[in-house]
Protein backbone atom coordinates (compact mmCIF):
# COMPACT_ATOMS: atom_id res chain seq x y z
CA MET A 1 112.26 152.44 58.75
CA ASP A 2 110.36 153.92 61.68
CA ILE A 3 110.20 152.10 65.01
CA ILE A 4 107.65 153.51 67.46
CA LEU A 5 107.10 152.52 71.09
CA ALA A 6 103.39 151.66 71.13
CA GLY A 7 103.11 151.21 74.90
CA TYR A 8 104.46 149.48 77.97
CA ASN A 9 103.20 148.22 81.28
CA LEU A 10 102.53 150.67 84.09
CA ASP A 11 101.68 149.98 87.70
CA TYR A 12 97.87 150.03 87.99
CA GLU A 13 97.91 152.57 90.83
CA THR A 14 99.69 154.98 88.49
CA ILE A 15 97.04 154.43 85.82
CA ARG A 16 94.22 154.82 88.36
CA ARG A 17 95.61 158.11 89.70
CA MET A 18 96.12 159.39 86.15
CA GLY A 19 92.48 158.64 85.42
CA GLU A 20 91.35 160.50 88.53
CA ILE A 21 93.42 163.56 87.66
CA HIS A 22 92.50 163.47 83.97
CA PRO A 23 89.02 161.94 83.63
CA GLU A 24 88.97 163.01 79.99
CA LEU A 25 91.57 160.28 79.26
CA THR A 26 89.19 157.48 78.29
CA GLY A 27 91.79 155.38 76.50
CA LEU A 28 93.47 153.94 79.62
CA THR A 29 92.79 150.35 78.59
CA PRO A 30 94.88 147.79 76.67
CA GLU A 31 91.87 147.22 74.41
CA THR A 32 92.88 150.20 72.27
CA VAL A 33 96.15 148.52 71.31
CA SER A 34 94.32 145.32 70.38
CA ALA A 35 91.79 147.27 68.31
CA ALA A 36 94.46 149.25 66.47
CA TYR A 37 96.50 146.16 65.64
CA ALA A 38 93.35 144.35 64.49
CA ARG A 39 92.80 147.07 61.89
CA ILE A 40 96.32 146.86 60.42
CA SER A 41 95.36 144.18 57.92
CA ARG A 42 92.42 146.16 56.49
CA SER A 43 93.44 149.81 56.74
CA PRO A 44 95.98 151.81 54.71
CA LYS A 45 96.61 154.12 57.67
CA PRO A 46 99.86 153.90 59.65
CA VAL A 47 99.43 151.86 62.82
CA ASN A 48 100.29 154.80 65.10
CA GLU A 49 97.32 156.68 63.59
CA LEU A 50 95.11 153.66 64.15
CA ARG A 51 96.12 153.66 67.81
CA ALA A 52 95.35 157.38 68.12
CA THR A 53 91.89 156.79 66.69
CA ALA A 54 91.26 153.86 69.04
CA ARG A 55 92.21 155.96 72.07
CA LEU A 56 89.69 158.63 71.07
CA GLU A 57 86.92 156.14 70.28
CA VAL A 58 87.14 153.51 73.01
CA GLU A 59 83.59 152.19 72.58
CA LYS A 60 84.14 151.76 68.85
CA ALA A 61 87.42 150.00 69.65
CA ARG A 62 85.56 147.65 71.97
CA GLN A 63 82.91 146.89 69.37
CA SER A 64 85.68 146.18 66.87
CA ASN A 65 87.41 143.81 69.31
CA ASN A 66 84.17 141.95 70.00
CA ASN A 67 83.53 141.52 66.29
CA ILE A 68 87.06 140.51 65.30
CA VAL A 69 87.96 138.34 68.30
CA PHE A 70 84.65 136.57 68.96
CA GLU A 71 82.54 136.84 65.81
CA MET A 72 85.30 136.45 63.23
CA GLY A 73 87.41 134.22 65.48
CA HIS A 74 90.74 136.06 65.25
CA SER A 75 91.64 135.34 68.88
CA SER A 76 95.27 136.38 68.48
CA ILE A 77 94.13 140.02 68.59
CA ALA A 78 93.46 139.53 72.32
CA GLU A 79 97.14 138.66 72.79
CA HIS A 80 98.10 142.31 72.31
CA ALA A 81 96.43 143.24 75.62
CA VAL A 82 98.77 142.26 78.46
CA PHE A 83 98.11 142.23 82.20
CA ASN A 84 100.34 142.08 85.27
CA ILE A 85 98.53 140.43 88.17
CA ASP A 86 99.52 140.05 91.83
CA VAL A 87 98.42 136.70 93.27
CA LEU A 88 98.53 136.54 97.07
CA GLY A 89 97.40 134.09 99.73
CA VAL A 90 97.15 131.02 97.49
CA SER A 91 98.29 127.53 98.41
CA ARG A 92 101.32 125.82 96.95
CA LEU A 93 98.92 123.17 95.65
CA LEU A 94 96.96 125.76 93.67
CA VAL A 95 100.17 127.30 92.32
CA GLU A 96 100.84 124.01 90.52
CA GLU A 97 97.56 124.55 88.66
CA ILE A 98 98.17 128.28 88.08
CA GLU A 99 101.55 127.66 86.48
CA LYS A 100 100.37 124.96 84.08
CA PHE A 101 99.68 127.61 81.44
CA ARG A 102 102.62 127.77 79.05
CA LEU A 103 102.36 131.21 77.52
CA CYS A 104 102.34 133.17 80.76
CA SER A 105 105.16 134.45 82.96
CA TYR A 106 105.43 133.80 86.70
CA THR A 107 107.73 134.80 89.52
CA GLU A 108 106.91 133.01 92.75
CA LYS A 109 107.90 133.55 96.35
CA SER A 110 110.65 131.02 96.94
CA GLN A 111 110.90 128.69 99.90
CA ARG A 112 114.60 128.48 99.11
CA TYR A 113 115.24 132.12 99.98
CA VAL A 114 112.36 133.27 102.19
CA LEU A 115 111.77 131.96 105.72
CA PHE A 116 108.07 131.14 105.64
CA SER A 117 105.64 132.14 108.37
CA ASP A 118 102.72 130.14 109.77
CA ASP A 119 100.33 131.14 106.97
CA PHE A 120 98.38 128.38 105.26
CA VAL A 121 95.14 127.80 103.40
CA ILE A 122 92.28 125.87 105.02
CA PRO A 123 90.35 124.41 102.07
CA GLU A 124 86.59 124.90 102.02
CA GLU A 125 86.17 121.21 101.29
CA ILE A 126 87.87 120.32 104.57
CA LYS A 127 85.89 122.93 106.50
CA ASN A 128 82.64 121.55 105.09
CA ALA A 129 83.66 118.02 106.07
CA ARG A 130 84.20 119.26 109.66
CA MET A 131 87.82 118.18 109.62
CA ALA A 132 89.35 121.64 109.82
CA ASP A 133 90.52 121.25 113.43
CA ARG A 134 92.49 118.10 112.66
CA PHE A 135 93.85 119.66 109.50
CA VAL A 136 95.01 122.81 111.33
CA ASP A 137 96.61 120.76 114.12
CA LEU A 138 98.64 118.79 111.57
CA ILE A 139 99.74 121.84 109.56
CA ARG A 140 100.85 123.63 112.73
CA ARG A 141 102.82 120.55 113.76
CA GLN A 142 104.53 120.55 110.37
CA ASN A 143 105.24 124.28 110.57
CA GLU A 144 106.63 124.02 114.10
CA LEU A 145 109.00 121.30 112.89
CA TYR A 146 109.97 123.49 109.94
CA PHE A 147 111.29 126.17 112.30
CA ARG A 148 113.01 123.55 114.49
CA LEU A 149 114.67 122.08 111.42
CA TYR A 150 115.85 125.48 110.28
CA GLU A 151 117.40 126.23 113.68
CA LYS A 152 119.26 122.90 113.52
CA LEU A 153 120.21 123.10 109.87
CA ARG A 154 121.50 126.65 109.84
CA PRO A 155 124.54 126.11 112.13
CA HIS A 156 125.09 122.70 110.51
CA VAL A 157 125.35 124.26 107.05
CA PHE A 158 127.70 127.01 108.24
CA ASP A 159 129.90 124.46 110.01
CA LYS A 160 129.93 122.07 107.05
CA HIS A 161 130.95 124.86 104.65
CA ARG A 162 133.39 126.82 106.80
CA ASP A 163 135.38 127.94 103.77
CA LEU A 164 132.27 129.70 102.44
CA ALA A 165 131.08 130.88 105.84
CA ASP A 166 134.31 132.85 106.35
CA ASP A 167 133.10 135.31 103.72
CA PRO A 168 130.11 137.39 104.94
CA ALA A 169 128.93 137.68 101.35
CA ASN A 170 127.97 133.99 101.46
CA ARG A 171 125.76 134.33 104.54
CA SER A 172 122.50 134.65 102.61
CA MET A 173 123.35 131.70 100.36
CA LEU A 174 124.16 129.40 103.29
CA GLU A 175 121.02 130.41 105.15
CA GLY A 176 119.14 129.64 101.95
CA TRP A 177 120.55 126.11 101.94
CA ALA A 178 119.16 125.59 105.44
CA LYS A 179 115.77 127.00 104.41
CA GLU A 180 115.54 124.85 101.30
CA ASP A 181 116.09 121.66 103.30
CA ALA A 182 113.78 122.65 106.16
CA ARG A 183 110.96 123.28 103.66
CA TYR A 184 110.61 119.56 102.90
CA ILE A 185 108.24 119.28 105.88
CA LEU A 186 106.04 122.22 104.81
CA SER A 187 102.63 121.28 103.44
CA LEU A 188 101.14 122.03 100.05
CA ALA A 189 98.58 124.13 101.93
CA THR A 190 101.30 126.67 102.72
CA GLN A 191 100.38 130.14 101.50
CA THR A 192 102.54 131.81 98.91
CA GLN A 193 102.39 134.66 96.40
CA LEU A 194 103.46 135.28 92.84
CA GLY A 195 103.54 137.87 90.10
CA MET A 196 101.93 136.84 86.83
CA THR A 197 102.03 138.39 83.36
CA LEU A 198 99.71 137.15 80.64
CA ASN A 199 97.71 138.34 77.67
CA ALA A 200 93.92 138.52 77.48
CA ARG A 201 93.60 135.40 75.34
CA ASN A 202 95.44 133.28 77.88
CA LEU A 203 93.66 135.02 80.74
CA GLU A 204 90.31 133.93 79.37
CA LEU A 205 91.59 130.35 79.07
CA VAL A 206 92.81 130.43 82.69
CA MET A 207 89.40 131.60 83.91
CA ARG A 208 87.59 128.88 81.96
CA ARG A 209 89.86 126.11 83.19
CA MET A 210 89.65 127.30 86.79
CA ALA A 211 85.86 127.40 86.62
CA SER A 212 85.96 123.69 85.72
CA HIS A 213 88.55 122.70 88.31
CA ILE A 214 87.73 120.23 91.06
CA LEU A 215 89.25 122.42 93.83
CA GLN A 216 87.11 125.21 95.27
CA GLU A 217 90.24 127.34 95.74
CA ALA A 218 90.78 127.19 91.97
CA ASN A 219 87.16 128.21 91.34
CA GLU A 220 87.59 131.22 93.64
CA TYR A 221 90.84 132.18 91.92
CA GLY A 222 89.12 132.20 88.53
CA ARG A 223 86.22 134.30 89.80
CA LYS A 224 88.54 136.89 91.32
CA LEU A 225 90.56 137.14 88.10
CA TYR A 226 87.33 137.87 86.26
CA GLU A 227 86.28 140.53 88.78
CA ILE A 228 89.48 142.55 88.41
CA VAL A 229 89.96 142.28 84.65
CA LYS A 230 86.46 142.39 83.14
CA PRO A 231 85.92 146.11 83.94
CA VAL A 232 89.27 147.00 82.35
CA ALA A 233 88.95 144.98 79.13
CA PRO A 234 85.33 143.85 78.65
CA SER A 235 85.71 143.42 74.90
CA LEU A 236 88.42 140.78 75.20
CA ILE A 237 86.98 138.51 77.91
CA ARG A 238 83.87 136.47 77.07
CA TYR A 239 84.14 132.69 77.42
CA THR A 240 84.90 132.20 81.11
CA GLU A 241 82.25 129.73 82.28
CA LYS A 242 82.78 126.08 83.10
CA THR A 243 82.64 123.81 80.05
CA ASP A 244 81.86 120.11 79.79
CA TYR A 245 85.12 119.62 77.91
CA ASP A 246 87.23 120.96 80.79
CA HIS A 247 84.98 119.72 83.59
CA LEU A 248 84.04 116.22 82.43
CA THR A 249 86.77 114.93 80.13
CA GLY A 250 89.32 114.09 82.84
CA LYS A 251 86.67 112.57 85.10
CA ASN A 252 85.16 110.50 82.31
CA LEU A 253 88.57 109.27 81.16
CA SER A 254 89.45 108.17 84.70
CA GLU A 255 86.18 106.27 85.04
CA ARG A 256 86.40 104.61 81.63
CA ILE A 257 90.06 103.60 82.06
CA SER A 258 89.38 102.30 85.58
CA THR A 259 86.53 100.14 84.26
CA PHE A 260 88.64 98.66 81.48
CA LEU A 261 91.58 97.97 83.78
CA GLN A 262 89.31 96.18 86.24
CA GLU A 263 88.05 93.97 83.42
CA ILE A 264 91.62 93.16 82.38
CA SER A 265 92.61 92.43 85.97
CA HIS A 266 89.63 90.10 86.37
CA GLU A 267 90.19 88.25 83.11
CA GLU A 268 93.97 87.92 83.39
CA LYS A 269 94.11 87.67 87.18
CA ILE A 270 96.35 90.75 87.32
CA SER A 271 96.54 92.23 90.82
CA SER A 272 94.50 95.41 91.20
CA ASP A 273 96.36 96.27 94.41
CA THR A 274 98.21 99.49 93.54
CA ARG A 275 100.80 98.80 96.22
CA SER A 276 102.26 96.09 94.00
CA PHE A 277 103.42 98.64 91.45
CA CYS A 278 103.80 101.90 93.36
CA ALA A 279 107.41 101.50 94.46
CA PRO A 280 109.60 103.20 91.84
CA SER A 281 112.49 101.23 90.39
CA SER A 282 114.24 104.48 89.49
CA MET A 283 113.70 108.19 90.00
CA VAL A 284 114.56 108.79 86.33
CA ASP A 285 113.53 106.43 83.54
CA LEU A 286 114.24 107.37 79.93
CA ILE A 287 111.23 105.68 78.36
CA GLN A 288 111.59 106.72 74.73
CA ILE A 289 114.01 108.62 72.53
CA THR A 290 113.96 109.48 68.84
CA PRO A 291 115.76 106.59 67.08
CA ASP A 292 119.12 107.36 65.53
CA ALA A 293 119.05 110.73 67.29
CA ASP A 294 122.51 112.03 66.36
CA ASN A 295 121.87 111.36 62.69
CA ARG A 296 118.45 113.04 62.92
CA VAL A 297 120.03 116.22 64.29
CA LEU A 298 122.81 115.96 61.72
CA SER A 299 120.24 115.72 58.92
CA ALA A 300 118.60 118.92 60.24
CA PHE A 301 121.99 120.69 60.05
CA ILE A 302 122.45 119.45 56.47
CA HIS A 303 118.92 120.47 55.53
CA ALA A 304 119.50 124.04 56.75
CA ALA A 305 122.86 124.32 54.95
CA THR A 306 121.77 122.90 51.56
CA ASN A 307 118.81 122.80 49.19
CA ARG A 308 118.36 119.04 49.53
CA PRO A 309 115.08 117.37 50.60
CA LEU A 310 115.00 116.08 54.18
CA ALA A 311 114.91 112.40 53.21
CA ASP A 312 118.11 112.90 51.22
CA CYS A 313 119.70 114.76 54.16
CA LEU A 314 118.93 111.88 56.50
CA ARG A 315 120.46 109.37 54.06
CA LEU A 316 123.61 111.51 53.77
CA ALA A 317 123.85 111.94 57.55
CA SER A 318 123.77 108.18 58.04
CA ALA A 319 126.42 107.65 55.36
CA LEU A 320 129.00 110.10 56.71
CA PRO A 321 131.94 108.60 58.62
CA LEU A 322 131.97 109.24 62.37
CA SER A 323 134.88 111.66 62.16
CA GLN A 324 132.98 113.91 59.75
CA LYS A 325 129.83 113.70 61.84
CA GLU A 326 131.82 114.82 64.86
CA GLU A 327 133.34 117.71 62.91
CA ILE A 328 129.92 118.98 61.86
CA PHE A 329 128.68 118.91 65.46
CA ARG A 330 131.86 120.57 66.66
CA THR A 331 131.38 123.28 64.03
CA ALA A 332 127.81 123.83 65.25
CA PHE A 333 128.92 124.16 68.88
CA ARG A 334 132.37 125.76 68.49
CA HIS A 335 131.31 129.37 69.17
CA MET A 336 128.51 128.65 71.60
CA LYS A 337 128.87 130.29 75.03
CA SER A 338 127.07 129.42 78.25
CA HIS A 339 124.43 132.09 77.62
CA ASP A 340 123.69 131.00 74.04
CA ALA A 341 120.71 128.80 73.22
CA ALA A 342 121.57 125.49 71.59
CA PRO A 343 120.93 125.28 67.81
CA ARG A 344 117.28 124.91 66.85
CA ALA A 345 118.14 121.76 64.88
CA LEU A 346 118.23 119.98 68.25
CA GLU A 347 114.45 120.33 68.43
CA SER A 348 114.24 117.57 65.80
CA VAL A 349 114.76 114.82 68.39
CA ASP A 350 112.63 114.08 71.46
CA LEU A 351 113.10 112.36 74.79
CA THR A 352 110.33 111.02 77.03
CA TYR A 353 111.06 110.45 80.71
CA GLU A 354 109.08 109.13 83.62
CA LEU A 355 110.24 110.90 86.77
CA VAL A 356 109.42 110.20 90.39
CA ILE A 357 110.06 113.49 92.18
CA SER A 358 109.30 115.38 95.35
CA ALA A 359 106.98 118.37 95.49
CA SER A 360 110.05 120.54 96.12
CA CYS A 361 111.65 119.26 92.94
CA PHE A 362 108.43 119.57 90.95
CA ALA A 363 108.04 123.20 92.07
CA GLN A 364 111.16 123.90 90.00
CA LEU A 365 110.59 121.46 87.14
CA LYS A 366 107.17 122.96 86.38
CA ARG A 367 108.92 126.17 85.35
CA HIS A 368 110.01 124.42 82.14
CA ARG A 369 106.67 125.11 80.50
CA MET A 370 107.71 124.37 76.91
CA ALA A 371 108.00 120.71 77.84
CA THR A 372 105.10 118.28 77.76
CA LEU A 373 104.50 117.72 81.46
CA LEU A 374 101.72 115.42 82.68
CA CYS A 375 101.38 114.54 86.35
CA GLN A 376 99.77 112.00 88.60
CA ASP A 377 98.60 113.01 92.07
CA TYR A 378 101.05 113.01 94.95
CA ASN A 379 101.21 109.47 96.29
CA PRO A 380 102.55 108.60 99.77
CA GLU A 381 103.24 105.06 98.55
CA LEU A 382 106.08 106.47 96.43
CA GLY A 383 107.92 107.41 99.63
CA VAL A 384 109.39 110.76 100.59
CA THR A 385 112.58 112.62 99.74
CA ILE A 386 114.62 113.43 102.85
CA PRO A 387 117.48 115.95 102.58
CA ASP A 388 120.87 114.57 103.66
CA ALA A 389 121.28 117.50 106.05
CA ILE A 390 118.21 116.35 108.02
CA ARG A 391 119.84 112.96 108.51
CA GLU A 392 123.19 114.55 109.36
CA THR A 393 121.63 116.66 112.12
CA GLY A 394 119.88 113.68 113.69
CA MET A 395 116.41 114.97 112.79
CA GLU A 396 115.35 112.12 110.51
CA THR A 397 113.29 110.33 113.18
CA VAL A 398 111.24 113.37 114.14
CA PHE A 399 110.87 114.22 110.44
CA LEU A 400 109.46 110.76 109.68
CA GLU A 401 107.15 110.95 112.69
CA ALA A 402 105.62 114.10 111.22
CA ILE A 403 105.40 112.39 107.82
CA GLY A 404 103.57 109.48 109.48
CA ALA A 405 101.04 111.83 111.10
CA THR A 406 100.61 113.54 107.74
CA GLU A 407 99.87 110.31 105.94
CA ASP A 408 97.41 109.21 108.64
CA LEU A 409 95.32 112.34 108.09
CA TYR A 410 95.77 112.08 104.32
CA ALA A 411 94.24 108.58 104.39
CA LYS A 412 91.22 109.89 106.32
CA LEU A 413 90.79 112.87 104.00
CA ARG A 414 90.95 110.58 100.97
CA LYS A 415 87.80 108.87 102.24
CA THR A 416 85.82 112.03 102.93
CA VAL A 417 87.17 114.81 100.67
CA PRO A 418 89.48 113.09 98.15
CA ALA A 419 89.90 116.18 95.98
CA ALA A 420 91.36 118.19 98.87
CA ALA A 421 93.41 115.46 100.55
CA GLY A 422 96.62 116.57 98.85
CA TYR A 423 96.70 119.87 100.74
CA CYS A 424 98.10 118.17 103.84
CA LEU A 425 100.96 116.39 102.04
CA THR A 426 104.44 117.90 102.26
CA ASN A 427 107.14 119.09 99.93
CA ALA A 428 108.89 115.77 100.60
CA HIS A 429 106.08 113.69 99.10
CA ARG A 430 106.46 112.40 95.58
CA LYS A 431 104.50 111.90 92.40
CA ARG A 432 105.08 110.42 88.98
CA VAL A 433 105.60 112.82 86.09
CA PHE A 434 105.50 112.21 82.34
CA PHE A 435 108.10 114.61 80.93
CA LYS A 436 108.69 114.95 77.19
CA ILE A 437 111.27 117.39 75.84
CA ASN A 438 113.44 117.90 72.81
CA ALA A 439 117.23 117.94 72.95
CA ARG A 440 117.39 121.72 72.76
CA GLU A 441 115.23 122.03 75.87
CA LEU A 442 117.45 119.45 77.59
CA TYR A 443 120.36 121.83 77.01
CA HIS A 444 118.40 124.58 78.75
CA ILE A 445 117.64 122.26 81.67
CA ALA A 446 121.31 121.28 81.82
CA ARG A 447 122.54 124.89 81.94
CA LEU A 448 120.11 125.91 84.66
CA ARG A 449 119.57 122.78 86.72
CA ALA A 450 122.83 120.80 86.44
CA ASP A 451 124.72 123.87 87.66
CA ARG A 452 126.27 123.88 91.15
CA HIS A 453 124.05 126.84 92.10
CA ALA A 454 120.92 124.78 91.46
CA GLN A 455 119.04 123.24 94.37
CA TRP A 456 120.38 119.75 95.07
CA ASP A 457 117.13 117.84 94.42
CA ILE A 458 116.55 119.10 90.89
CA ARG A 459 120.31 119.14 90.22
CA ASN A 460 120.48 115.39 90.93
CA LEU A 461 117.47 114.90 88.67
CA ALA A 462 118.98 116.92 85.80
CA VAL A 463 122.36 115.17 86.02
CA ASP A 464 120.65 111.77 85.86
CA MET A 465 118.45 112.81 82.93
CA ILE A 466 121.47 114.02 80.97
CA ALA A 467 123.54 110.93 81.77
CA LYS A 468 120.81 108.61 80.49
CA ALA A 469 120.36 110.64 77.31
CA GLU A 470 124.09 110.98 76.52
CA THR A 471 124.40 107.26 75.85
CA ALA A 472 121.87 107.58 73.01
CA MET A 473 123.07 110.86 71.49
CA PRO A 474 126.65 111.61 72.56
CA LEU A 475 127.34 114.03 69.70
CA THR A 476 124.17 116.04 70.18
CA LEU A 477 124.76 116.41 73.93
CA MET A 478 128.52 117.02 73.89
CA LEU A 479 128.04 120.43 75.60
CA ALA A 480 125.04 119.59 77.79
CA THR A 481 126.25 120.65 81.22
CA GLY A 482 125.64 123.23 83.91
CA LYS A 483 126.81 126.81 83.44
CA ASP A 484 129.52 126.28 86.05
CA GLY A 485 131.05 123.45 84.03
CA PHE A 486 130.37 124.79 80.56
CA ASP A 487 133.66 126.61 79.97
CA ALA A 488 135.71 123.64 81.15
CA ARG A 489 133.76 121.25 78.90
CA ARG A 490 134.09 123.64 75.98
CA ASN A 491 137.84 123.99 76.53
CA GLU A 492 138.20 120.20 76.52
CA LEU A 493 136.56 120.07 73.12
CA PHE A 494 137.98 123.15 71.45
CA GLY A 495 140.82 124.43 73.60
CA THR A 496 140.96 128.01 74.87
């Protein structure tokens, strides 16, 4: 066995300086790795020799990439070229679009830990509609209230948690609690930044989707990605233009569905007034779950431990007495620690939720990219989420006054520039989310989001999601809890 380090990411400034000092080094591109790995399947040479050849013959490597990735269609070759990209000065609304891509990595500036300044994006759509002055006035009102809220909330948090405040080590955490509640009045136009890591195949997809996006800020983001990456890896980036599939499908679906629903409303005299069905009955509705979920997971355990066909495993799982079912699950979980992933057998059952959540909560939920996550637009008719601390400090009235001013401008923007109206809404505003996960992913959500260190909004959401699911699959979810409660739950089940 011979394990060789083929490469690793370097800061671009380091690479640029190296190229200036040693102009003879022509292989300072990730394309050479892609080209070498592409040749593995057809060459008897060791892969380290293939890489050496690619570094010496960059243009040949690029021709090879073009042929293999685009002519032959082996797009996975582009996944070997990886980029780290700084994204600065983008709105929180655009970040929701940026982070929709599953197979990328993101680390975003957090409004929980950083006290934000007065920086915000003024959308081109709003400028062109000559509503920029009104937009700026509103955002500055929101931002001024943000700082007022923080000044009120900070001493309130320290006073409410005096036991923690006595230890200077907790100062940053307590200040963070004040920041995370004050941020509920910040708009989705607020500027932020993030670090992003992705491969060339996904990068091309991002560019194509952004070119088709309805927001001009998204179009600009895609163009700027192209400008910085194309010179570095021209052989791996080709299909970046707007497509009818990305550009028209969503629009056409909305129009067709709207037409059909109007026909149904007319024929059956069903009210078309959206206000009649906007108010949520619950923040968390478990809409669908795999039937007989515990037995389904149990059959997956049996399948992995025997040579029986799956249908036979499911029949056996259903036939076992409850005590034996419990013992199998306990055996599967007995040695699991809080840092261990739940068994993969739990992926055999699914849960579909409809969630009504704030923008602050969604900013965290969207990080769970392996889920199926489909969103409606933010909708003021769903109400707003107000932190308890804002009520406790007597700031609820002024908070709601700012929300009222926000929704007044939102209504006007909806008539003139509907695509950009959402920029003025706040982190307190809500939207409906279709959220489908498997039970293994629910364990991950439980560990991270049901933990006492999690932000209260998403913690409440996670606890409610788990509680609703536990009734349907108590054996599968016997250890679904936050990290802080994991050891205690485990000790209850298995002892120390």
